[in-house]
Amino acid sequence: MSDEAETPWGWRLLGWVGWALVVTALGALGWLWRLDRTRVWETPRFGSSLVLLRGAAAAPSAVTWLVAVNPECSHCKVVLARLCARPPGGVRVGALIVDTPRRPAPSALAALPGGPIWWDVRNDWRRRWGHRVYGEVLRFDPRGRYLSTRLQPPAP
């Protein structure tokens, strides 16, 4: 005798419904991923949506690297600290506070090392620029034009 003959009809139906839900969920996830990947995002830029919370002097020819930091993310702080400890020549390293709807507390700012700190007030980093990786480094030329984004490897 086969197992199918011994399995009640209701259980078989429930199994098929379960598999249909899994396939539908995977299809929806794939569709959303494709929609996100084909969307045209705005180019990151310094602008009115970025509020300078802490300034730092820099040479006029300095390139600016901004580390996307959520004040509650320890990984972000490690990446920022590592870059601030050994900045490449001619580079000013700063923090871009992201995913924080309220102005960060002074204690949160004091916990961030060195350099300038900007706050993304309108959440453009995620909503308009399409970025989502905490600890990524956005690089800007001395005039504030976007150059590229790079992901930092995990700390040793």
N, C-alpha and C. Protein backbone atom coordinates (compact mmCIF):
# COMPACT_ATOMS: atom_id res chain seq x y z
N MET A 1 0.83 -1.20 0.00
CA MET A 1 0.00 0.00 0.00
C MET A 1 0.86 1.25 0.00
N SER A 2 0.41 2.27 -0.67
CA SER A 2 1.15 3.53 -0.68
C SER A 2 0.74 4.40 0.49
N ASP A 3 1.65 5.32 0.85
CA ASP A 3 1.36 6.25 1.94
C ASP A 3 0.21 7.17 1.60
N GLU A 4 0.07 7.46 0.29
CA GLU A 4 -0.98 8.36 -0.15
C GLU A 4 -2.37 7.81 0.17
N ALA A 5 -2.52 6.51 0.04
CA ALA A 5 -3.81 5.89 0.31
C ALA A 5 -4.15 5.96 1.80
N GLU A 6 -3.13 6.02 2.65
CA GLU A 6 -3.36 6.04 4.09
C GLU A 6 -3.47 7.46 4.65
N THR A 7 -3.01 8.46 3.90
CA THR A 7 -3.06 9.85 4.36
C THR A 7 -4.45 10.40 4.11
N PRO A 8 -5.08 10.94 5.16
CA PRO A 8 -6.42 11.51 4.97
C PRO A 8 -6.39 12.65 3.94
N TRP A 9 -7.47 12.78 3.23
CA TRP A 9 -7.59 13.77 2.18
C TRP A 9 -7.33 15.18 2.70
N GLY A 10 -7.78 15.54 3.88
CA GLY A 10 -7.61 16.87 4.46
C GLY A 10 -6.14 17.22 4.67
N TRP A 11 -5.35 16.21 5.10
CA TRP A 11 -3.92 16.45 5.32
C TRP A 11 -3.19 16.67 4.00
N ARG A 12 -3.58 15.92 2.97
CA ARG A 12 -2.95 16.11 1.66
C ARG A 12 -3.26 17.51 1.12
N LEU A 13 -4.51 17.94 1.28
CA LEU A 13 -4.90 19.28 0.84
C LEU A 13 -4.11 20.35 1.60
N LEU A 14 -3.99 20.15 2.90
CA LEU A 14 -3.22 21.10 3.71
C LEU A 14 -1.76 21.16 3.24
N GLY A 15 -1.17 20.03 2.90
CA GLY A 15 0.20 20.01 2.38
C GLY A 15 0.34 20.78 1.08
N TRP A 16 -0.62 20.58 0.15
CA TRP A 16 -0.59 21.30 -1.12
C TRP A 16 -0.78 22.81 -0.91
N VAL A 17 -1.65 23.17 0.00
CA VAL A 17 -1.86 24.60 0.29
C VAL A 17 -0.58 25.20 0.88
N GLY A 18 0.09 24.46 1.78
CA GLY A 18 1.35 24.93 2.36
C GLY A 18 2.41 25.16 1.29
N TRP A 19 2.56 24.20 0.37
CA TRP A 19 3.54 24.36 -0.71
C TRP A 19 3.16 25.52 -1.63
N ALA A 20 1.88 25.70 -1.89
CA ALA A 20 1.44 26.82 -2.73
C ALA A 20 1.78 28.16 -2.06
N LEU A 21 1.62 28.23 -0.74
CA LEU A 21 1.97 29.45 -0.02
C LEU A 21 3.47 29.73 -0.08
N VAL A 22 4.28 28.69 0.05
CA VAL A 22 5.74 28.86 -0.02
C VAL A 22 6.14 29.35 -1.41
N VAL A 23 5.62 28.74 -2.45
CA VAL A 23 5.96 29.14 -3.82
C VAL A 23 5.49 30.58 -4.09
N THR A 24 4.30 30.92 -3.62
CA THR A 24 3.78 32.28 -3.80
C THR A 24 4.66 33.30 -3.07
N ALA A 25 5.04 32.98 -1.84
CA ALA A 25 5.89 33.89 -1.07
C ALA A 25 7.24 34.09 -1.76
N LEU A 26 7.84 33.02 -2.25
CA LEU A 26 9.13 33.14 -2.95
C LEU A 26 8.98 33.95 -4.24
N GLY A 27 7.89 33.73 -4.96
CA GLY A 27 7.64 34.50 -6.18
C GLY A 27 7.48 35.98 -5.87
N ALA A 28 6.73 36.30 -4.80
CA ALA A 28 6.54 37.70 -4.41
C ALA A 28 7.86 38.33 -3.99
N LEU A 29 8.67 37.58 -3.25
CA LEU A 29 9.97 38.09 -2.84
C LEU A 29 10.86 38.36 -4.05
N GLY A 30 10.86 37.46 -5.01
CA GLY A 30 11.63 37.66 -6.24
C GLY A 30 11.16 38.87 -7.02
N TRP A 31 9.84 39.06 -7.09
CA TRP A 31 9.28 40.20 -7.79
C TRP A 31 9.69 41.50 -7.11
N LEU A 32 9.61 41.54 -5.77
CA LEU A 32 10.01 42.74 -5.03
C LEU A 32 11.50 43.02 -5.21
N TRP A 33 12.32 41.98 -5.18
CA TRP A 33 13.76 42.14 -5.38
C TRP A 33 14.04 42.74 -6.75
N ARG A 34 13.37 42.20 -7.78
CA ARG A 34 13.58 42.70 -9.14
C ARG A 34 13.11 44.15 -9.26
N LEU A 35 11.98 44.47 -8.67
CA LEU A 35 11.48 45.84 -8.68
C LEU A 35 12.49 46.79 -8.03
N ASP A 36 13.07 46.37 -6.92
CA ASP A 36 14.06 47.19 -6.23
C ASP A 36 15.33 47.34 -7.05
N ARG A 37 15.79 46.28 -7.66
CA ARG A 37 17.05 46.31 -8.42
C ARG A 37 16.92 47.13 -9.70
N THR A 38 15.72 47.23 -10.26
CA THR A 38 15.57 47.98 -11.52
C THR A 38 15.17 49.43 -11.28
N ARG A 39 14.92 49.80 -10.04
CA ARG A 39 14.55 51.18 -9.74
C ARG A 39 15.76 52.09 -9.94
N VAL A 40 15.52 53.27 -10.46
CA VAL A 40 16.59 54.25 -10.65
C VAL A 40 16.63 55.11 -9.38
N TRP A 41 17.75 55.00 -8.65
CA TRP A 41 17.92 55.74 -7.40
C TRP A 41 18.64 57.05 -7.68
N GLU A 42 18.42 58.02 -6.81
CA GLU A 42 19.12 59.30 -6.93
C GLU A 42 20.59 59.11 -6.54
N THR A 43 21.43 59.94 -7.10
CA THR A 43 22.85 59.93 -6.75
C THR A 43 23.01 60.61 -5.39
N PRO A 44 23.74 60.00 -4.46
CA PRO A 44 23.97 60.64 -3.15
C PRO A 44 24.63 62.00 -3.32
N ARG A 45 24.27 62.92 -2.44
CA ARG A 45 24.87 64.26 -2.50
C ARG A 45 24.71 64.96 -1.17
N PHE A 46 25.62 65.89 -0.94
CA PHE A 46 25.45 66.79 0.19
C PHE A 46 24.32 67.73 -0.17
N GLY A 47 23.46 68.01 0.76
CA GLY A 47 22.35 68.91 0.46
C GLY A 47 21.63 69.30 1.72
N SER A 48 20.46 69.88 1.52
CA SER A 48 19.70 70.40 2.66
C SER A 48 19.20 69.30 3.58
N SER A 49 19.14 68.07 3.10
CA SER A 49 18.66 66.98 3.96
C SER A 49 19.74 66.50 4.93
N LEU A 50 20.98 66.91 4.72
CA LEU A 50 22.06 66.53 5.62
C LEU A 50 22.37 67.70 6.54
N VAL A 51 22.24 67.46 7.83
CA VAL A 51 22.49 68.52 8.82
C VAL A 51 23.83 68.25 9.50
N LEU A 52 24.71 69.23 9.47
CA LEU A 52 26.01 69.10 10.11
C LEU A 52 25.82 69.22 11.63
N LEU A 53 26.14 68.16 12.35
CA LEU A 53 26.01 68.16 13.81
C LEU A 53 27.33 68.45 14.50
N ARG A 54 28.43 68.07 13.86
CA ARG A 54 29.75 68.35 14.42
C ARG A 54 30.70 68.57 13.25
N GLY A 55 31.34 69.69 13.24
CA GLY A 55 32.26 70.02 12.15
C GLY A 55 33.69 69.62 12.48
N ALA A 56 34.52 69.63 11.47
CA ALA A 56 35.95 69.37 11.64
C ALA A 56 36.68 70.02 10.48
N ALA A 57 37.78 70.62 10.78
CA ALA A 57 38.58 71.28 9.75
C ALA A 57 39.17 70.25 8.80
N ALA A 58 39.29 70.65 7.56
CA ALA A 58 39.90 69.77 6.56
C ALA A 58 40.57 70.62 5.51
N ALA A 59 41.58 70.07 4.89
CA ALA A 59 42.25 70.77 3.80
C ALA A 59 41.26 70.94 2.65
N PRO A 60 41.34 72.03 1.91
CA PRO A 60 40.40 72.25 0.81
C PRO A 60 40.44 71.14 -0.24
N SER A 61 41.56 70.45 -0.33
CA SER A 61 41.68 69.37 -1.32
C SER A 61 41.30 68.01 -0.77
N ALA A 62 40.78 67.97 0.45
CA ALA A 62 40.47 66.69 1.08
C ALA A 62 39.23 66.05 0.48
N VAL A 63 39.35 64.76 0.23
CA VAL A 63 38.21 63.93 -0.16
C VAL A 63 37.49 63.57 1.14
N THR A 64 36.17 63.48 1.09
CA THR A 64 35.40 63.14 2.30
C THR A 64 34.83 61.74 2.16
N TRP A 65 35.09 60.92 3.17
CA TRP A 65 34.48 59.59 3.26
C TRP A 65 33.50 59.63 4.41
N LEU A 66 32.24 59.34 4.13
CA LEU A 66 31.22 59.30 5.16
C LEU A 66 30.82 57.85 5.41
N VAL A 67 30.91 57.44 6.66
CA VAL A 67 30.50 56.09 7.05
C VAL A 67 29.04 56.16 7.49
N ALA A 68 28.19 55.34 6.88
CA ALA A 68 26.78 55.29 7.27
C ALA A 68 26.69 54.63 8.64
N VAL A 69 26.24 55.41 9.62
CA VAL A 69 26.24 54.95 11.01
C VAL A 69 24.84 55.07 11.60
N ASN A 70 24.38 53.99 12.20
CA ASN A 70 23.21 54.04 13.06
C ASN A 70 23.78 54.04 14.47
N PRO A 71 23.42 55.01 15.31
CA PRO A 71 24.04 55.11 16.64
C PRO A 71 23.89 53.86 17.51
N GLU A 72 22.94 52.98 17.17
CA GLU A 72 22.75 51.76 17.95
C GLU A 72 23.48 50.56 17.36
N CYS A 73 24.21 50.74 16.28
CA CYS A 73 24.89 49.64 15.59
C CYS A 73 26.37 49.61 15.98
N SER A 74 26.78 48.55 16.64
CA SER A 74 28.19 48.44 17.06
C SER A 74 29.11 48.24 15.86
N HIS A 75 28.65 47.54 14.82
CA HIS A 75 29.47 47.33 13.62
C HIS A 75 29.83 48.67 12.98
N CYS A 76 28.85 49.58 12.90
CA CYS A 76 29.09 50.91 12.31
C CYS A 76 30.20 51.63 13.05
N LYS A 77 30.11 51.58 14.38
CA LYS A 77 31.08 52.29 15.21
C LYS A 77 32.48 51.71 15.03
N VAL A 78 32.57 50.40 14.86
CA VAL A 78 33.86 49.76 14.65
C VAL A 78 34.47 50.21 13.32
N VAL A 79 33.65 50.22 12.27
CA VAL A 79 34.14 50.65 10.95
C VAL A 79 34.60 52.10 11.01
N LEU A 80 33.78 52.95 11.63
CA LEU A 80 34.14 54.37 11.74
C LEU A 80 35.42 54.56 12.55
N ALA A 81 35.53 53.87 13.67
CA ALA A 81 36.73 53.99 14.51
C ALA A 81 37.97 53.53 13.76
N ARG A 82 37.85 52.43 13.02
CA ARG A 82 38.99 51.90 12.27
C ARG A 82 39.44 52.90 11.19
N LEU A 83 38.49 53.50 10.48
CA LEU A 83 38.86 54.48 9.45
C LEU A 83 39.41 55.77 10.05
N CYS A 84 38.85 56.20 11.19
CA CYS A 84 39.33 57.42 11.84
C CYS A 84 40.73 57.23 12.41
N ALA A 85 41.03 56.00 12.86
CA ALA A 85 42.34 55.73 13.44
C ALA A 85 43.45 55.77 12.40
N ARG A 86 43.14 55.36 11.18
CA ARG A 86 44.13 55.32 10.10
C ARG A 86 43.52 55.83 8.80
N PRO A 87 43.21 57.11 8.73
CA PRO A 87 42.61 57.61 7.49
C PRO A 87 43.64 57.63 6.36
N PRO A 88 43.22 57.27 5.16
CA PRO A 88 44.14 57.37 4.02
C PRO A 88 44.55 58.82 3.83
N GLY A 89 45.70 59.04 3.24
CA GLY A 89 46.20 60.39 3.01
C GLY A 89 45.23 61.23 2.19
N GLY A 90 45.03 62.47 2.61
CA GLY A 90 44.16 63.39 1.88
C GLY A 90 42.67 63.10 2.03
N VAL A 91 42.32 62.28 3.03
CA VAL A 91 40.92 61.91 3.23
C VAL A 91 40.44 62.38 4.59
N ARG A 92 39.28 63.02 4.60
CA ARG A 92 38.61 63.39 5.84
C ARG A 92 37.52 62.35 6.07
N VAL A 93 37.56 61.68 7.21
CA VAL A 93 36.59 60.64 7.53
C VAL A 93 35.54 61.23 8.48
N GLY A 94 34.28 61.02 8.14
CA GLY A 94 33.19 61.50 8.97
C GLY A 94 32.09 60.46 9.06
N ALA A 95 31.07 60.79 9.82
CA ALA A 95 29.93 59.89 10.00
C ALA A 95 28.69 60.50 9.38
N LEU A 96 27.86 59.64 8.81
CA LEU A 96 26.54 60.03 8.33
C LEU A 96 25.53 59.24 9.16
N ILE A 97 24.86 59.93 10.06
CA ILE A 97 23.88 59.28 10.93
C ILE A 97 22.63 58.98 10.10
N VAL A 98 22.27 57.69 10.02
CA VAL A 98 21.15 57.25 9.19
C VAL A 98 20.11 56.51 10.05
N ASP A 99 18.91 56.40 9.49
CA ASP A 99 17.80 55.66 10.14
C ASP A 99 17.54 56.13 11.57
N THR A 100 17.67 57.42 11.77
CA THR A 100 17.46 58.01 13.10
C THR A 100 16.51 59.19 12.93
N PRO A 101 15.21 58.98 13.22
CA PRO A 101 14.23 60.04 12.96
C PRO A 101 14.37 61.26 13.87
N ARG A 102 14.91 61.06 15.08
CA ARG A 102 15.11 62.19 16.00
C ARG A 102 16.58 62.56 16.06
N ARG A 103 16.82 63.81 16.33
CA ARG A 103 18.21 64.28 16.44
C ARG A 103 18.93 63.42 17.48
N PRO A 104 20.11 62.90 17.13
CA PRO A 104 20.85 62.06 18.08
C PRO A 104 21.23 62.83 19.35
N ALA A 105 21.20 62.13 20.45
CA ALA A 105 21.55 62.73 21.74
C ALA A 105 23.03 63.09 21.76
N PRO A 106 23.41 64.10 22.53
CA PRO A 106 24.82 64.46 22.64
C PRO A 106 25.70 63.28 23.07
N SER A 107 25.18 62.41 23.92
CA SER A 107 25.96 61.24 24.35
C SER A 107 26.23 60.29 23.17
N ALA A 108 25.26 60.16 22.26
CA ALA A 108 25.45 59.30 21.08
C ALA A 108 26.51 59.89 20.16
N LEU A 109 26.51 61.22 20.03
CA LEU A 109 27.51 61.89 19.19
C LEU A 109 28.90 61.80 19.81
N ALA A 110 28.96 61.93 21.13
CA ALA A 110 30.25 61.86 21.82
C ALA A 110 30.87 60.47 21.69
N ALA A 111 30.05 59.45 21.50
CA ALA A 111 30.56 58.08 21.37
C ALA A 111 31.17 57.82 20.00
N LEU A 112 30.97 58.73 19.05
CA LEU A 112 31.52 58.56 17.70
C LEU A 112 32.87 59.25 17.61
N PRO A 113 33.87 58.55 17.10
CA PRO A 113 35.21 59.12 17.05
C PRO A 113 35.37 60.23 16.01
N GLY A 114 36.36 61.08 16.28
CA GLY A 114 36.88 62.09 15.37
C GLY A 114 35.89 62.76 14.44
N GLY A 115 36.39 63.34 13.41
CA GLY A 115 35.72 63.91 12.27
C GLY A 115 34.33 64.49 12.40
N PRO A 116 33.87 65.03 11.27
CA PRO A 116 32.55 65.65 11.23
C PRO A 116 31.44 64.61 11.26
N ILE A 117 30.27 65.07 11.69
CA ILE A 117 29.10 64.18 11.73
C ILE A 117 27.95 64.90 11.06
N TRP A 118 27.35 64.24 10.07
CA TRP A 118 26.15 64.74 9.43
C TRP A 118 25.00 63.82 9.81
N TRP A 119 23.81 64.37 9.84
CA TRP A 119 22.60 63.61 10.15
C TRP A 119 21.67 63.67 8.94
N ASP A 120 21.24 62.52 8.49
CA ASP A 120 20.32 62.41 7.36
C ASP A 120 18.89 62.58 7.87
N VAL A 121 18.45 63.82 7.94
CA VAL A 121 17.16 64.18 8.54
C VAL A 121 15.98 63.51 7.83
N ARG A 122 15.98 63.51 6.51
CA ARG A 122 14.83 62.99 5.75
C ARG A 122 14.96 61.52 5.36
N ASN A 123 16.00 60.86 5.81
CA ASN A 123 16.22 59.44 5.48
C ASN A 123 16.43 59.24 3.98
N ASP A 124 17.10 60.19 3.35
CA ASP A 124 17.40 60.07 1.92
C ASP A 124 18.33 58.90 1.63
N TRP A 125 19.23 58.60 2.56
CA TRP A 125 20.18 57.50 2.39
C TRP A 125 19.45 56.22 2.00
N ARG A 126 18.35 55.93 2.62
CA ARG A 126 17.59 54.71 2.35
C ARG A 126 16.50 54.94 1.29
N ARG A 127 15.70 55.98 1.46
CA ARG A 127 14.52 56.17 0.63
C ARG A 127 14.83 56.69 -0.79
N ARG A 128 15.81 57.57 -0.91
CA ARG A 128 16.06 58.19 -2.22
C ARG A 128 17.34 57.68 -2.88
N TRP A 129 18.34 57.31 -2.05
CA TRP A 129 19.60 56.85 -2.61
C TRP A 129 19.64 55.34 -2.74
N GLY A 130 18.73 54.64 -2.06
CA GLY A 130 18.66 53.19 -2.17
C GLY A 130 19.72 52.43 -1.41
N HIS A 131 20.32 53.05 -0.42
CA HIS A 131 21.37 52.39 0.36
C HIS A 131 20.76 51.74 1.59
N ARG A 132 21.39 50.64 2.05
CA ARG A 132 20.84 49.91 3.19
C ARG A 132 21.89 49.24 4.06
N VAL A 133 23.13 49.42 3.77
CA VAL A 133 24.17 48.68 4.48
C VAL A 133 24.87 49.58 5.49
N TYR A 134 24.63 49.34 6.77
CA TYR A 134 25.31 50.10 7.81
C TYR A 134 26.81 49.86 7.69
N GLY A 135 27.59 50.90 7.88
CA GLY A 135 29.04 50.78 7.81
C GLY A 135 29.60 51.00 6.42
N GLU A 136 28.74 51.16 5.41
CA GLU A 136 29.27 51.43 4.07
C GLU A 136 29.88 52.82 4.05
N VAL A 137 30.80 53.04 3.12
CA VAL A 137 31.50 54.32 3.04
C VAL A 137 31.14 55.01 1.74
N LEU A 138 30.54 56.19 1.87
CA LEU A 138 30.21 57.01 0.71
C LEU A 138 31.36 57.99 0.52
N ARG A 139 31.90 58.05 -0.69
CA ARG A 139 33.05 58.89 -0.96
C ARG A 139 32.65 60.08 -1.83
N PHE A 140 33.09 61.26 -1.39
CA PHE A 140 32.79 62.51 -2.08
C PHE A 140 34.08 63.25 -2.38
N ASP A 141 34.10 63.96 -3.52
CA ASP A 141 35.29 64.74 -3.87
C ASP A 141 35.31 66.03 -3.04
N PRO A 142 36.39 66.83 -3.14
CA PRO A 142 36.50 68.05 -2.33
C PRO A 142 35.35 69.05 -2.53
N ARG A 143 34.67 68.98 -3.68
CA ARG A 143 33.56 69.89 -3.93
C ARG A 143 32.21 69.29 -3.52
N GLY A 144 32.23 68.11 -2.91
CA GLY A 144 30.99 67.50 -2.42
C GLY A 144 30.26 66.64 -3.42
N ARG A 145 30.88 66.36 -4.57
CA ARG A 145 30.25 65.49 -5.57
C ARG A 145 30.51 64.03 -5.23
N TYR A 146 29.50 63.21 -5.40
CA TYR A 146 29.59 61.79 -5.10
C TYR A 146 30.56 61.09 -6.05
N LEU A 147 31.43 60.25 -5.47
CA LEU A 147 32.38 59.48 -6.27
C LEU A 147 31.97 58.00 -6.33
N SER A 148 31.77 57.39 -5.16
CA SER A 148 31.44 55.97 -5.13
C SER A 148 31.06 55.56 -3.71
N THR A 149 30.61 54.33 -3.60
CA THR A 149 30.32 53.72 -2.30
C THR A 149 31.12 52.45 -2.22
N ARG A 150 31.67 52.20 -1.04
CA ARG A 150 32.38 50.94 -0.87
C ARG A 150 31.96 50.32 0.45
N LEU A 151 31.90 49.01 0.46
CA LEU A 151 31.57 48.29 1.67
C LEU A 151 32.85 47.96 2.39
N GLN A 152 32.83 48.12 3.69
CA GLN A 152 34.00 47.82 4.51
C GLN A 152 33.95 46.36 4.95
N PRO A 153 35.07 45.66 4.91
CA PRO A 153 35.09 44.29 5.43
C PRO A 153 34.92 44.31 6.95
N PRO A 154 34.44 43.21 7.52
CA PRO A 154 34.30 43.17 8.98
C PRO A 154 35.63 43.39 9.68
N ALA A 155 35.57 43.94 10.86
CA ALA A 155 36.78 44.20 11.64
C ALA A 155 37.47 42.89 12.00
N PRO A 156 38.81 42.90 12.03
CA PRO A 156 39.55 41.66 12.36
C PRO A 156 39.33 41.26 13.81
